[in-house]
Amino acid sequence: LLASVSWGLGTGSLGTWGVIQLMSYFPKCFTLGEATAVTHGIILFLLSTASNLPLRYHLPPLHDDDIATTILQ
């Protein structure tokens, strides 16, 4: 429960901060909805990468193509 709450608060805070940063770095380029979608996509990509890469440590060494596949999945 504590881990779930921590991840939720961290992701929510990162999402809010990311939208504000995106809107300030690229003024008049994004609507609020577009900035939110882009920020959530980036967060999901980072969390997916962070959760997939440690699972590969106990397996045989990866080739460059396999690393890219693991990151993109």
PDB file of N, CA and C in Angstrom:
ATOM      1  N   LEU A   1       0.829  -1.195   0.000  1.00  0.00           N
ATOM      2  CA  LEU A   1       0.000   0.000   0.000  1.00  0.00           C
ATOM      3  C   LEU A   1       0.868   1.251   0.000  1.00  0.00           C
ATOM      4  N   LEU A   2       1.913   1.236   0.814  1.00  0.00           N
ATOM      5  CA  LEU A   2       2.791   2.401   0.882  1.00  0.00           C
ATOM      6  C   LEU A   2       3.498   2.640  -0.451  1.00  0.00           C
ATOM      7  N   ALA A   3       3.936   1.564  -1.094  1.00  0.00           N
ATOM      8  CA  ALA A   3       4.598   1.703  -2.395  1.00  0.00           C
ATOM      9  C   ALA A   3       3.626   2.242  -3.436  1.00  0.00           C
ATOM     10  N   SER A   4       2.393   1.771  -3.406  1.00  0.00           N
ATOM     11  CA  SER A   4       1.388   2.232  -4.357  1.00  0.00           C
ATOM     12  C   SER A   4       1.083   3.713  -4.169  1.00  0.00           C
ATOM     13  N   VAL A   5       0.938   4.126  -2.925  1.00  0.00           N
ATOM     14  CA  VAL A   5       0.674   5.542  -2.641  1.00  0.00           C
ATOM     15  C   VAL A   5       1.875   6.391  -3.052  1.00  0.00           C
ATOM     16  N   SER A   6       3.070   5.901  -2.775  1.00  0.00           N
ATOM     17  CA  SER A   6       4.280   6.643  -3.139  1.00  0.00           C
ATOM     18  C   SER A   6       4.393   6.810  -4.652  1.00  0.00           C
ATOM     19  N   TRP A   7       4.173   5.721  -5.389  1.00  0.00           N
ATOM     20  CA  TRP A   7       4.223   5.802  -6.851  1.00  0.00           C
ATOM     21  C   TRP A   7       3.137   6.734  -7.377  1.00  0.00           C
ATOM     22  N   GLY A   8       1.949   6.656  -6.805  1.00  0.00           N
ATOM     23  CA  GLY A   8       0.860   7.520  -7.249  1.00  0.00           C
ATOM     24  C   GLY A   8       1.148   8.988  -7.017  1.00  0.00           C
ATOM     25  N   LEU A   9       1.638   9.316  -5.833  1.00  0.00           N
ATOM     26  CA  LEU A   9       1.973  10.712  -5.541  1.00  0.00           C
ATOM     27  C   LEU A   9       3.144  11.193  -6.393  1.00  0.00           C
ATOM     28  N   GLY A  10       4.122  10.337  -6.568  1.00  0.00           N
ATOM     29  CA  GLY A  10       5.274  10.708  -7.393  1.00  0.00           C
ATOM     30  C   GLY A  10       4.898  10.938  -8.844  1.00  0.00           C
ATOM     31  N   THR A  11       4.093  10.040  -9.386  1.00  0.00           N
ATOM     32  CA  THR A  11       3.659  10.173 -10.770  1.00  0.00           C
ATOM     33  C   THR A  11       2.752  11.383 -10.951  1.00  0.00           C
ATOM     34  N   GLY A  12       1.853  11.600 -10.016  1.00  0.00           N
ATOM     35  CA  GLY A  12       0.974  12.767 -10.097  1.00  0.00           C
ATOM     36  C   GLY A  12       1.737  14.071 -10.010  1.00  0.00           C
ATOM     37  N   SER A  13       2.690  14.126  -9.102  1.00  0.00           N
ATOM     38  CA  SER A  13       3.506  15.337  -8.961  1.00  0.00           C
ATOM     39  C   SER A  13       4.365  15.561 -10.197  1.00  0.00           C
ATOM     40  N   LEU A  14       4.972  14.478 -10.694  1.00  0.00           N
ATOM     41  CA  LEU A  14       5.795  14.584 -11.894  1.00  0.00           C
ATOM     42  C   LEU A  14       4.948  14.999 -13.098  1.00  0.00           C
ATOM     43  N   GLY A  15       3.735  14.478 -13.180  1.00  0.00           N
ATOM     44  CA  GLY A  15       2.849  14.837 -14.279  1.00  0.00           C
ATOM     45  C   GLY A  15       2.458  16.300 -14.246  1.00  0.00           C
ATOM     46  N   THR A  16       2.107  16.794 -13.071  1.00  0.00           N
ATOM     47  CA  THR A  16       1.728  18.202 -12.944  1.00  0.00           C
ATOM     48  C   THR A  16       2.916  19.102 -13.246  1.00  0.00           C
ATOM     49  N   TRP A  17       4.072  18.771 -12.679  1.00  0.00           N
ATOM     50  CA  TRP A  17       5.278  19.561 -12.917  1.00  0.00           C
ATOM     51  C   TRP A  17       5.654  19.521 -14.400  1.00  0.00           C
ATOM     52  N   GLY A  18       5.524  18.341 -15.031  1.00  0.00           N
ATOM     53  CA  GLY A  18       5.879  18.196 -16.442  1.00  0.00           C
ATOM     54  C   GLY A  18       5.002  19.019 -17.358  1.00  0.00           C
ATOM     55  N   VAL A  19       3.708  19.073 -17.069  1.00  0.00           N
ATOM     56  CA  VAL A  19       2.798  19.871 -17.892  1.00  0.00           C
ATOM     57  C   VAL A  19       3.164  21.349 -17.783  1.00  0.00           C
ATOM     58  N   ILE A  20       3.426  21.809 -16.576  1.00  0.00           N
ATOM     59  CA  ILE A  20       3.784  23.214 -16.376  1.00  0.00           C
ATOM     60  C   ILE A  20       5.091  23.537 -17.098  1.00  0.00           C
ATOM     61  N   GLN A  21       6.078  22.653 -16.990  1.00  0.00           N
ATOM     62  CA  GLN A  21       7.359  22.880 -17.666  1.00  0.00           C
ATOM     63  C   GLN A  21       7.194  22.867 -19.181  1.00  0.00           C
ATOM     64  N   LEU A  22       6.425  21.930 -19.693  1.00  0.00           N
ATOM     65  CA  LEU A  22       6.211  21.834 -21.134  1.00  0.00           C
ATOM     66  C   LEU A  22       5.513  23.077 -21.664  1.00  0.00           C
ATOM     67  N   MET A  23       4.520  23.555 -20.932  1.00  0.00           N
ATOM     68  CA  MET A  23       3.798  24.756 -21.360  1.00  0.00           C
ATOM     69  C   MET A  23       4.694  26.000 -21.283  1.00  0.00           C
ATOM     70  N   SER A  24       5.619  26.041 -20.334  1.00  0.00           N
ATOM     71  CA  SER A  24       6.485  27.220 -20.219  1.00  0.00           C
ATOM     72  C   SER A  24       7.638  27.186 -21.231  1.00  0.00           C
ATOM     73  N   TYR A  25       8.165  25.991 -21.536  1.00  0.00           N
ATOM     74  CA  TYR A  25       9.258  25.900 -22.505  1.00  0.00           C
ATOM     75  C   TYR A  25       8.778  26.056 -23.946  1.00  0.00           C
ATOM     76  N   PHE A  26       7.559  25.678 -24.216  1.00  0.00           N
ATOM     77  CA  PHE A  26       6.997  25.772 -25.561  1.00  0.00           C
ATOM     78  C   PHE A  26       5.693  26.563 -25.521  1.00  0.00           C
ATOM     79  N   PRO A  27       5.772  27.874 -25.293  1.00  0.00           N
ATOM     80  CA  PRO A  27       4.537  28.660 -25.207  1.00  0.00           C
ATOM     81  C   PRO A  27       3.820  28.701 -26.557  1.00  0.00           C
ATOM     82  N   LYS A  28       2.521  28.651 -26.511  1.00  0.00           N
ATOM     83  CA  LYS A  28       1.653  28.720 -27.695  1.00  0.00           C
ATOM     84  C   LYS A  28       1.856  27.558 -28.662  1.00  0.00           C
ATOM     85  N   CYS A  29       2.453  26.454 -28.198  1.00  0.00           N
ATOM     86  CA  CYS A  29       2.644  25.277 -29.053  1.00  0.00           C
ATOM     87  C   CYS A  29       1.688  24.143 -28.696  1.00  0.00           C
ATOM     88  N   PHE A  30       1.278  24.076 -27.431  1.00  0.00           N
ATOM     89  CA  PHE A  30       0.433  22.990 -26.957  1.00  0.00           C
ATOM     90  C   PHE A  30      -0.804  23.557 -26.283  1.00  0.00           C
ATOM     91  N   THR A  31      -1.918  22.846 -26.449  1.00  0.00           N
ATOM     92  CA  THR A  31      -3.057  23.118 -25.580  1.00  0.00           C
ATOM     93  C   THR A  31      -2.807  22.364 -24.277  1.00  0.00           C
ATOM     94  N   LEU A  32      -3.615  22.609 -23.283  1.00  0.00           N
ATOM     95  CA  LEU A  32      -3.436  21.933 -21.999  1.00  0.00           C
ATOM     96  C   LEU A  32      -3.605  20.418 -22.152  1.00  0.00           C
ATOM     97  N   GLY A  33      -4.571  20.006 -22.949  1.00  0.00           N
ATOM     98  CA  GLY A  33      -4.792  18.573 -23.166  1.00  0.00           C
ATOM     99  C   GLY A  33      -3.639  17.908 -23.892  1.00  0.00           C
ATOM    100  N   GLU A  34      -3.091  18.576 -24.900  1.00  0.00           N
ATOM    101  CA  GLU A  34      -1.952  18.014 -25.626  1.00  0.00           C
ATOM    102  C   GLU A  34      -0.722  17.914 -24.731  1.00  0.00           C
ATOM    103  N   ALA A  35      -0.473  18.938 -23.935  1.00  0.00           N
ATOM    104  CA  ALA A  35       0.674  18.914 -23.022  1.00  0.00           C
ATOM    105  C   ALA A  35       0.518  17.799 -21.998  1.00  0.00           C
ATOM    106  N   THR A  36      -0.702  17.587 -21.528  1.00  0.00           N
ATOM    107  CA  THR A  36      -0.954  16.509 -20.572  1.00  0.00           C
ATOM    108  C   THR A  36      -0.703  15.144 -21.216  1.00  0.00           C
ATOM    109  N   ALA A  37      -1.171  14.965 -22.448  1.00  0.00           N
ATOM    110  CA  ALA A  37      -0.970  13.691 -23.144  1.00  0.00           C
ATOM    111  C   ALA A  37       0.511  13.421 -23.396  1.00  0.00           C
ATOM    112  N   VAL A  38       1.253  14.429 -23.811  1.00  0.00           N
ATOM    113  CA  VAL A  38       2.690  14.264 -24.058  1.00  0.00           C
ATOM    114  C   VAL A  38       3.421  13.938 -22.761  1.00  0.00           C
ATOM    115  N   THR A  39       3.097  14.660 -21.693  1.00  0.00           N
ATOM    116  CA  THR A  39       3.749  14.426 -20.404  1.00  0.00           C
ATOM    117  C   THR A  39       3.448  13.027 -19.883  1.00  0.00           C
ATOM    118  N   HIS A  40       2.206  12.592 -19.981  1.00  0.00           N
ATOM    119  CA  HIS A  40       1.852  11.247 -19.516  1.00  0.00           C
ATOM    120  C   HIS A  40       2.542  10.178 -20.360  1.00  0.00           C
ATOM    121  N   GLY A  41       2.671  10.417 -21.654  1.00  0.00           N
ATOM    122  CA  GLY A  41       3.388   9.479 -22.510  1.00  0.00           C
ATOM    123  C   GLY A  41       4.846   9.344 -22.118  1.00  0.00           C
ATOM    124  N   ILE A  42       5.479  10.468 -21.803  1.00  0.00           N
ATOM    125  CA  ILE A  42       6.881  10.441 -21.374  1.00  0.00           C
ATOM    126  C   ILE A  42       7.020   9.709 -20.044  1.00  0.00           C
ATOM    127  N   ILE A  43       6.118   9.988 -19.117  1.00  0.00           N
ATOM    128  CA  ILE A  43       6.167   9.328 -17.805  1.00  0.00           C
ATOM    129  C   ILE A  43       5.977   7.821 -17.954  1.00  0.00           C
ATOM    130  N   LEU A  44       5.006   7.403 -18.767  1.00  0.00           N
ATOM    131  CA  LEU A  44       4.782   5.973 -18.972  1.00  0.00           C
ATOM    132  C   LEU A  44       5.985   5.304 -19.626  1.00  0.00           C
ATOM    133  N   PHE A  45       6.614   5.982 -20.576  1.00  0.00           N
ATOM    134  CA  PHE A  45       7.808   5.438 -21.218  1.00  0.00           C
ATOM    135  C   PHE A  45       8.928   5.254 -20.201  1.00  0.00           C
ATOM    136  N   LEU A  46       9.162   6.264 -19.366  1.00  0.00           N
ATOM    137  CA  LEU A  46      10.231   6.177 -18.368  1.00  0.00           C
ATOM    138  C   LEU A  46       9.957   5.087 -17.333  1.00  0.00           C
ATOM    139  N   LEU A  47       8.716   4.997 -16.860  1.00  0.00           N
ATOM    140  CA  LEU A  47       8.389   3.967 -15.874  1.00  0.00           C
ATOM    141  C   LEU A  47       8.464   2.565 -16.475  1.00  0.00           C
ATOM    142  N   SER A  48       8.037   2.425 -17.719  1.00  0.00           N
ATOM    143  CA  SER A  48       8.118   1.126 -18.386  1.00  0.00           C
ATOM    144  C   SER A  48       9.574   0.702 -18.572  1.00  0.00           C
ATOM    145  N   THR A  49      10.411   1.639 -18.977  1.00  0.00           N
ATOM    146  CA  THR A  49      11.833   1.344 -19.138  1.00  0.00           C
ATOM    147  C   THR A  49      12.461   0.977 -17.804  1.00  0.00           C
ATOM    148  N   ALA A  50      12.131   1.731 -16.770  1.00  0.00           N
ATOM    149  CA  ALA A  50      12.701   1.468 -15.442  1.00  0.00           C
ATOM    150  C   ALA A  50      12.250   0.119 -14.894  1.00  0.00           C
ATOM    151  N   SER A  51      11.056  -0.313 -15.248  1.00  0.00           N
ATOM    152  CA  SER A  51      10.586  -1.601 -14.733  1.00  0.00           C
ATOM    153  C   SER A  51      11.039  -2.781 -15.595  1.00  0.00           C
ATOM    154  N   ASN A  52      11.296  -2.575 -16.887  1.00  0.00           N
ATOM    155  CA  ASN A  52      11.710  -3.676 -17.767  1.00  0.00           C
ATOM    156  C   ASN A  52      13.200  -3.973 -17.711  1.00  0.00           C
ATOM    157  N   LEU A  53      14.036  -2.949 -17.602  1.00  0.00           N
ATOM    158  CA  LEU A  53      15.479  -3.192 -17.650  1.00  0.00           C
ATOM    159  C   LEU A  53      16.001  -4.028 -16.491  1.00  0.00           C
ATOM    160  N   PRO A  54      15.590  -3.803 -15.244  1.00  0.00           N
ATOM    161  CA  PRO A  54      16.119  -4.650 -14.161  1.00  0.00           C
ATOM    162  C   PRO A  54      15.750  -6.125 -14.310  1.00  0.00           C
ATOM    163  N   LEU A  55      14.667  -6.423 -14.990  1.00  0.00           N
ATOM    164  CA  LEU A  55      14.264  -7.816 -15.182  1.00  0.00           C
ATOM    165  C   LEU A  55      15.225  -8.560 -16.108  1.00  0.00           C
ATOM    166  N   ARG A  56      16.011  -7.824 -16.881  1.00  0.00           N
ATOM    167  CA  ARG A  56      16.924  -8.437 -17.838  1.00  0.00           C
ATOM    168  C   ARG A  56      18.277  -8.787 -17.235  1.00  0.00           C
ATOM    169  N   TYR A  57      18.573  -8.395 -16.005  1.00  0.00           N
ATOM    170  CA  TYR A  57      19.906  -8.604 -15.438  1.00  0.00           C
ATOM    171  C   TYR A  57      20.234 -10.075 -15.208  1.00  0.00           C
ATOM    172  N   HIS A  58      19.257 -10.900 -14.908  1.00  0.00           N
ATOM    173  CA  HIS A  58      19.544 -12.307 -14.642  1.00  0.00           C
ATOM    174  C   HIS A  58      19.591 -13.155 -15.910  1.00  0.00           C
ATOM    175  N   LEU A  59      19.302 -12.575 -17.056  1.00  0.00           N
ATOM    176  CA  LEU A  59      19.315 -13.296 -18.326  1.00  0.00           C
ATOM    177  C   LEU A  59      20.679 -13.148 -19.005  1.00  0.00           C
ATOM    178  N   PRO A  60      20.946 -13.926 -20.060  1.00  0.00           N
ATOM    179  CA  PRO A  60      22.219 -13.801 -20.783  1.00  0.00           C
ATOM    180  C   PRO A  60      22.408 -12.375 -21.324  1.00  0.00           C
ATOM    181  N   PRO A  61      23.654 -12.012 -21.669  1.00  0.00           N
ATOM    182  CA  PRO A  61      23.923 -10.654 -22.170  1.00  0.00           C
ATOM    183  C   PRO A  61      23.066 -10.315 -23.386  1.00  0.00           C
ATOM    184  N   LEU A  62      22.719  -9.053 -23.478  1.00  0.00           N
ATOM    185  CA  LEU A  62      21.871  -8.578 -24.561  1.00  0.00           C
ATOM    186  C   LEU A  62      22.705  -8.008 -25.698  1.00  0.00           C
ATOM    187  N   HIS A  63      22.190  -8.137 -26.903  1.00  0.00           N
ATOM    188  CA  HIS A  63      22.777  -7.453 -28.043  1.00  0.00           C
ATOM    189  C   HIS A  63      22.130  -6.077 -28.133  1.00  0.00           C
ATOM    190  N   ASP A  64      22.688  -5.202 -28.949  1.00  0.00           N
ATOM    191  CA  ASP A  64      22.170  -3.839 -29.052  1.00  0.00           C
ATOM    192  C   ASP A  64      20.700  -3.820 -29.475  1.00  0.00           C
ATOM    193  N   ASP A  65      20.328  -4.690 -30.396  1.00  0.00           N
ATOM    194  CA  ASP A  65      18.935  -4.734 -30.844  1.00  0.00           C
ATOM    195  C   ASP A  65      18.004  -5.174 -29.719  1.00  0.00           C
ATOM    196  N   ASP A  66      18.459  -6.103 -28.896  1.00  0.00           N
ATOM    197  CA  ASP A  66      17.637  -6.575 -27.780  1.00  0.00           C
ATOM    198  C   ASP A  66      17.452  -5.489 -26.727  1.00  0.00           C
ATOM    199  N   ILE A  67      18.480  -4.671 -26.508  1.00  0.00           N
ATOM    200  CA  ILE A  67      18.361  -3.573 -25.551  1.00  0.00           C
ATOM    201  C   ILE A  67      17.317  -2.580 -26.037  1.00  0.00           C
ATOM    202  N   ALA A  68      17.367  -2.236 -27.317  1.00  0.00           N
ATOM    203  CA  ALA A  68      16.385  -1.304 -27.871  1.00  0.00           C
ATOM    204  C   ALA A  68      14.976  -1.880 -27.766  1.00  0.00           C
ATOM    205  N   THR A  69      14.832  -3.172 -28.026  1.00  0.00           N
ATOM    206  CA  THR A  69      13.519  -3.811 -27.922  1.00  0.00           C
ATOM    207  C   THR A  69      13.009  -3.774 -26.488  1.00  0.00           C
ATOM    208  N   THR A  70      13.881  -4.043 -25.533  1.00  0.00           N
ATOM    209  CA  THR A  70      13.478  -4.023 -24.123  1.00  0.00           C
ATOM    210  C   THR A  70      13.041  -2.635 -23.702  1.00  0.00           C
ATOM    211  N   ILE A  71      13.770  -1.613 -24.125  1.00  0.00           N
ATOM    212  CA  ILE A  71      13.415  -0.238 -23.762  1.00  0.00           C
ATOM    213  C   ILE A  71      12.089   0.152 -24.391  1.00  0.00           C
ATOM    214  N   LEU A  72      11.886  -0.192 -25.652  1.00  0.00           N
ATOM    215  CA  LEU A  72      10.670   0.226 -26.347  1.00  0.00           C
ATOM    216  C   LEU A  72       9.438  -0.561 -25.929  1.00  0.00           C
ATOM    217  N   GLN A  73       9.623  -1.741 -25.344  1.00  0.00           N
ATOM    218  CA  GLN A  73       8.462  -2.494 -24.903  1.00  0.00           C
ATOM    219  C   GLN A  73       7.966  -1.895 -23.630  1.00  0.00           C
TER     220      GLN A  73
END
